[in-house]
Amino acid sequence: MDGNGRWAKQQQQERLYGHNHGVDSVRTAIKTASKLGVEFLTLYTFSTENWARPEDEVAGLMTLLSSTILAELDMLKQEGIKIDFIGNIQEMPQDVQYSIQKAKEITPDVHKMTLIIALNYGAREEIVNATKEIAKMVKLNAIQPENIDANLFQQKLYTNKYPDPDLLIRTSGEIRLSNFLLWQLSYAEMYFTDVLWPDFDETQMTEAVKEYANRKRRYGKL
C-alpha cells in the first residue's frame, strides 16, 4: 500500500495526513475484495524497515494502527471478515498489541474472507527465523537434514495456515517486492499501478483482479 507520503506532499500536507487518508483505501480494498470473492487478503501495513522512518511519523503510525484496528472491528464482523496478523508482533507497542488481541477475540469464526495484516513484517527475518526453527529440530534429532524439504520450511513461516498469494498488487509506480512474502510470492502474478494508495478505489481494485483473471498461470509448465 504505497504512496501515502507522496499523496500528502501533493496536498502540501505532512506524511501522516496521507497515512490517515490511506485508511479509507484500506476499508475500500477490504470490502471490494470480499465482494469479488477473494478468500484471503494480505495487507503489508508496517515493515521491519519502517522503524527507520522519522520518530514522529513512526509514533503517529502506531497510534493510527491501534485506533484503526479497534474502529474497524464492527465493520469486519458485519462483513463476515476474520482478521489475523503476521510478523514480529511481540516487538510492537503495547497499545497495538492490545488492539490486535481484541481484534482476534471479536472477529467471527464463520467468515467469507480472512484479512491478514502484516505488522513489523520482513520476509528475510521470517526466512531466517524459519531456518533457526528447523536447525533446532535437527539439533534435537527431531528430523534428519536430508528430510528437510519445501513443505517443512513452509510450515515454519508466519503464513503456514494460509495458501500462497495468487496476486500481488503494488501501488504508486514502484516495481519491487520490498521484503514482502519473498518465499510465498514465488509464483504470484504481479500487478503494478502508478495510482497512489489514497487514490486506490473500488474501480482500481476491481481492474487489478480482472486483469489477473485474464492471465494464464503455467507454474513453469507448457
Protein backbone atom coordinates (compact mmCIF):
# COMPACT_ATOMS: atom_id res chain seq x y z
CA MET A 1 0.00 0.00 0.00
CA ASP A 2 2.48 2.57 -1.26
CA GLY A 3 2.23 6.30 -1.87
CA ASN A 4 0.67 7.84 1.24
CA GLY A 5 3.61 10.20 1.77
CA ARG A 6 3.76 11.36 -1.85
CA TRP A 7 -0.01 11.86 -1.89
CA ALA A 8 0.26 14.05 1.22
CA LYS A 9 3.08 16.06 -0.37
CA GLN A 10 0.85 16.74 -3.39
CA GLN A 11 -1.72 18.11 -0.94
CA GLN A 12 1.02 20.18 0.74
CA GLN A 13 0.47 18.27 3.96
CA GLU A 14 2.57 16.20 6.37
CA ARG A 15 3.07 12.47 5.67
CA LEU A 16 0.69 11.42 8.46
CA TYR A 17 -2.09 13.22 6.62
CA GLY A 18 -1.55 10.75 3.78
CA HIS A 19 -1.49 7.77 6.14
CA ASN A 20 -4.81 8.86 7.65
CA HIS A 21 -6.41 9.11 4.22
CA GLY A 22 -4.87 5.77 3.29
CA VAL A 23 -7.15 4.16 5.89
CA ASP A 24 -10.14 4.93 3.66
CA SER A 25 -8.48 3.00 0.83
CA VAL A 26 -7.82 0.10 3.19
CA ARG A 27 -11.51 -0.07 4.06
CA THR A 28 -12.46 0.11 0.37
CA ALA A 29 -9.96 -2.59 -0.61
CA ILE A 30 -11.25 -4.94 2.09
CA LYS A 31 -14.91 -4.51 1.13
CA THR A 32 -14.17 -4.75 -2.60
CA ALA A 33 -12.04 -7.88 -2.23
CA SER A 34 -14.77 -9.55 -0.19
CA LYS A 35 -17.40 -8.59 -2.78
CA LEU A 36 -15.22 -10.02 -5.57
CA GLY A 37 -14.96 -13.37 -3.78
CA VAL A 38 -11.36 -13.07 -2.58
CA GLU A 39 -10.83 -15.55 0.25
CA PHE A 40 -7.54 -14.18 1.65
CA LEU A 41 -6.32 -10.58 1.54
CA THR A 42 -2.92 -9.68 2.99
CA LEU A 43 -2.05 -6.01 3.58
CA TYR A 44 1.60 -5.00 4.02
CA THR A 45 0.95 -2.46 6.74
CA PHE A 46 4.26 -1.87 8.55
CA SER A 47 7.60 -3.44 7.67
CA THR A 48 10.66 -4.15 9.79
CA GLU A 49 12.39 -1.40 7.78
CA ASN A 50 9.73 1.20 8.57
CA TRP A 51 11.18 1.72 12.06
CA ALA A 52 13.92 3.73 10.34
CA ARG A 53 11.45 6.47 9.40
CA PRO A 54 11.35 9.74 11.41
CA GLU A 55 10.38 9.17 15.04
CA ASP A 56 7.28 11.38 14.89
CA GLU A 57 5.99 9.56 11.81
CA VAL A 58 6.51 6.15 13.43
CA ALA A 59 4.76 7.29 16.62
CA GLY A 60 1.85 8.63 14.58
CA LEU A 61 1.62 5.39 12.61
CA MET A 62 1.49 3.34 15.81
CA THR A 63 -1.35 5.47 17.17
CA LEU A 64 -3.17 5.22 13.84
CA LEU A 65 -2.72 1.44 13.72
CA SER A 66 -4.03 0.90 17.23
CA SER A 67 -7.08 3.12 16.81
CA THR A 68 -7.93 1.91 13.29
CA ILE A 69 -7.86 -1.78 14.25
CA LEU A 70 -10.39 -1.18 17.03
CA ALA A 71 -12.53 1.23 14.99
CA GLU A 72 -12.98 -1.23 12.13
CA LEU A 73 -13.95 -4.31 14.15
CA ASP A 74 -17.70 -3.77 13.81
CA MET A 75 -17.37 -3.38 10.04
CA LEU A 76 -15.29 -6.55 9.78
CA LYS A 77 -17.80 -8.52 11.83
CA GLN A 78 -20.74 -7.25 9.79
CA GLU A 79 -18.95 -8.11 6.54
CA GLY A 80 -18.07 -11.62 7.79
CA ILE A 81 -14.34 -10.99 7.72
CA LYS A 82 -11.89 -12.72 10.05
CA ILE A 83 -8.69 -10.85 10.90
CA ASP A 84 -5.24 -12.25 11.61
CA PHE A 85 -1.75 -10.77 11.96
CA ILE A 86 1.69 -11.86 10.80
CA GLY A 87 5.11 -10.51 11.70
CA ASN A 88 7.11 -9.93 14.85
CA ILE A 89 4.09 -8.77 16.83
CA GLN A 90 5.87 -9.12 20.19
CA GLU A 91 8.01 -6.06 19.40
CA MET A 92 5.05 -3.80 18.65
CA PRO A 93 3.97 -1.20 21.25
CA GLN A 94 1.65 -2.43 23.98
CA ASP A 95 -1.36 -0.45 22.76
CA VAL A 96 -1.03 -2.01 19.30
CA GLN A 97 -0.71 -5.48 20.85
CA TYR A 98 -3.85 -4.81 22.89
CA SER A 99 -5.78 -3.83 19.75
CA ILE A 100 -4.54 -6.96 17.99
CA GLN A 101 -5.71 -9.18 20.85
CA LYS A 102 -9.15 -7.53 20.91
CA ALA A 103 -9.46 -7.97 17.14
CA LYS A 104 -8.73 -11.68 17.36
CA GLU A 105 -11.39 -12.06 20.06
CA ILE A 106 -14.14 -10.21 18.26
CA THR A 107 -13.94 -11.23 14.59
CA PRO A 108 -16.27 -14.08 13.56
CA ASP A 109 -15.40 -17.76 13.40
CA VAL A 110 -17.77 -18.17 10.45
CA HIS A 111 -16.40 -15.91 7.73
CA LYS A 112 -16.22 -15.45 3.99
CA MET A 113 -12.81 -13.77 3.87
CA THR A 114 -9.65 -13.71 6.02
CA LEU A 115 -7.85 -10.39 6.30
CA ILE A 116 -4.17 -10.81 7.15
CA ILE A 117 -2.34 -7.73 8.44
CA ALA A 118 1.47 -7.81 8.08
CA LEU A 119 2.86 -5.77 11.00
CA ASN A 120 6.54 -5.41 11.83
CA TYR A 121 6.94 -7.89 8.99
CA GLY A 122 10.07 -8.63 6.96
CA ALA A 123 10.40 -11.64 4.68
CA ARG A 124 14.14 -12.03 5.27
CA GLU A 125 13.61 -12.11 9.03
CA GLU A 126 10.77 -14.61 8.52
CA ILE A 127 13.01 -16.90 6.45
CA VAL A 128 15.89 -16.66 8.93
CA ASN A 129 13.53 -17.48 11.83
CA ALA A 130 12.17 -20.50 9.94
CA THR A 131 15.73 -21.68 9.33
CA LYS A 132 16.54 -21.37 13.02
CA GLU A 133 13.45 -23.40 13.96
CA ILE A 134 14.45 -26.22 11.61
CA ALA A 135 18.05 -26.09 12.88
CA LYS A 136 16.72 -26.61 16.42
CA MET A 137 14.77 -29.65 15.22
CA VAL A 138 17.92 -31.12 13.68
CA LYS A 139 19.90 -30.43 16.86
CA LEU A 140 17.27 -32.26 18.91
CA ASN A 141 17.30 -35.17 16.44
CA ALA A 142 13.63 -34.49 15.67
CA ILE A 143 14.45 -34.55 11.96
CA GLN A 144 17.37 -35.55 9.76
CA PRO A 145 18.84 -32.90 7.44
CA GLU A 146 18.09 -35.00 4.35
CA ASN A 147 14.38 -34.90 5.26
CA ILE A 148 14.17 -31.11 5.15
CA ASP A 149 12.01 -30.05 2.20
CA ALA A 150 9.94 -27.10 0.99
CA ASN A 151 6.82 -28.33 2.81
CA LEU A 152 8.61 -28.41 6.17
CA PHE A 153 10.09 -24.99 5.56
CA GLN A 154 6.70 -23.54 4.71
CA GLN A 155 5.28 -24.90 7.97
CA LYS A 156 7.73 -22.67 9.87
CA LEU A 157 6.68 -19.44 8.14
CA TYR A 158 4.23 -16.91 9.60
CA THR A 159 1.79 -17.82 6.82
CA ASN A 160 1.77 -21.58 7.45
CA LYS A 161 -2.05 -21.58 7.86
CA TYR A 162 -2.68 -19.89 4.52
CA PRO A 163 -2.22 -20.56 0.79
CA ASP A 164 0.42 -18.67 -1.16
CA PRO A 165 -0.83 -15.45 -2.79
CA ASP A 166 -2.13 -15.60 -6.35
CA LEU A 167 -1.79 -11.88 -7.00
CA LEU A 168 0.46 -9.10 -5.70
CA ILE A 169 -0.82 -5.53 -6.15
CA ARG A 170 1.58 -2.64 -5.60
CA THR A 171 0.56 0.99 -5.89
CA SER A 172 2.44 4.27 -6.56
CA GLY A 173 4.55 3.16 -9.53
CA GLU A 174 7.24 1.33 -7.55
CA ILE A 175 8.20 -2.01 -9.14
CA ARG A 176 9.80 -4.09 -6.39
CA LEU A 177 8.84 -6.51 -3.60
CA SER A 178 10.39 -4.56 -0.70
CA ASN A 179 10.99 -7.61 1.50
CA PHE A 180 7.36 -8.79 1.33
CA LEU A 181 6.47 -12.52 1.28
CA LEU A 182 9.60 -13.43 -0.70
CA TRP A 183 9.05 -17.19 -0.31
CA GLN A 184 5.28 -17.10 -0.76
CA LEU A 185 5.27 -14.92 -3.90
CA SER A 186 7.37 -17.35 -5.96
CA TYR A 187 4.57 -17.95 -8.48
CA ALA A 188 2.28 -15.00 -7.83
CA GLU A 189 1.15 -12.72 -10.62
CA MET A 190 2.33 -9.11 -10.28
CA TYR A 191 0.20 -6.02 -10.84
CA PHE A 192 1.80 -2.58 -10.62
CA THR A 193 -0.07 0.70 -10.88
CA ASP A 194 1.02 4.35 -10.76
CA VAL A 195 -2.02 5.21 -8.61
CA LEU A 196 -1.03 6.40 -5.12
CA TRP A 197 -2.60 4.40 -2.30
CA PRO A 198 -5.07 7.07 -1.05
CA ASP A 199 -6.47 7.21 -4.61
CA PHE A 200 -6.77 3.42 -4.93
CA ASP A 201 -10.53 2.88 -5.03
CA GLU A 202 -13.04 0.16 -5.85
CA THR A 203 -12.57 0.66 -9.60
CA GLN A 204 -8.79 0.26 -9.28
CA MET A 205 -9.11 -2.86 -7.13
CA THR A 206 -11.62 -4.43 -9.50
CA GLU A 207 -9.43 -3.69 -12.52
CA ALA A 208 -6.45 -5.41 -10.88
CA VAL A 209 -8.45 -8.54 -10.13
CA LYS A 210 -9.99 -8.57 -13.64
CA GLU A 211 -6.54 -8.36 -15.24
CA TYR A 212 -5.33 -11.23 -13.06
CA ALA A 213 -8.35 -13.31 -14.09
CA ASN A 214 -7.33 -12.95 -17.76
CA ARG A 215 -3.79 -14.23 -17.22
CA LYS A 216 -2.74 -17.83 -17.82
CA ARG A 217 -0.73 -19.37 -14.98
CA ARG A 218 1.62 -22.19 -16.01
CA TYR A 219 3.87 -22.65 -12.95
CA GLY A 220 6.83 -23.40 -15.22
CA LYS A 221 4.85 -25.85 -17.37
CA LEU A 222 3.79 -25.55 -21.02
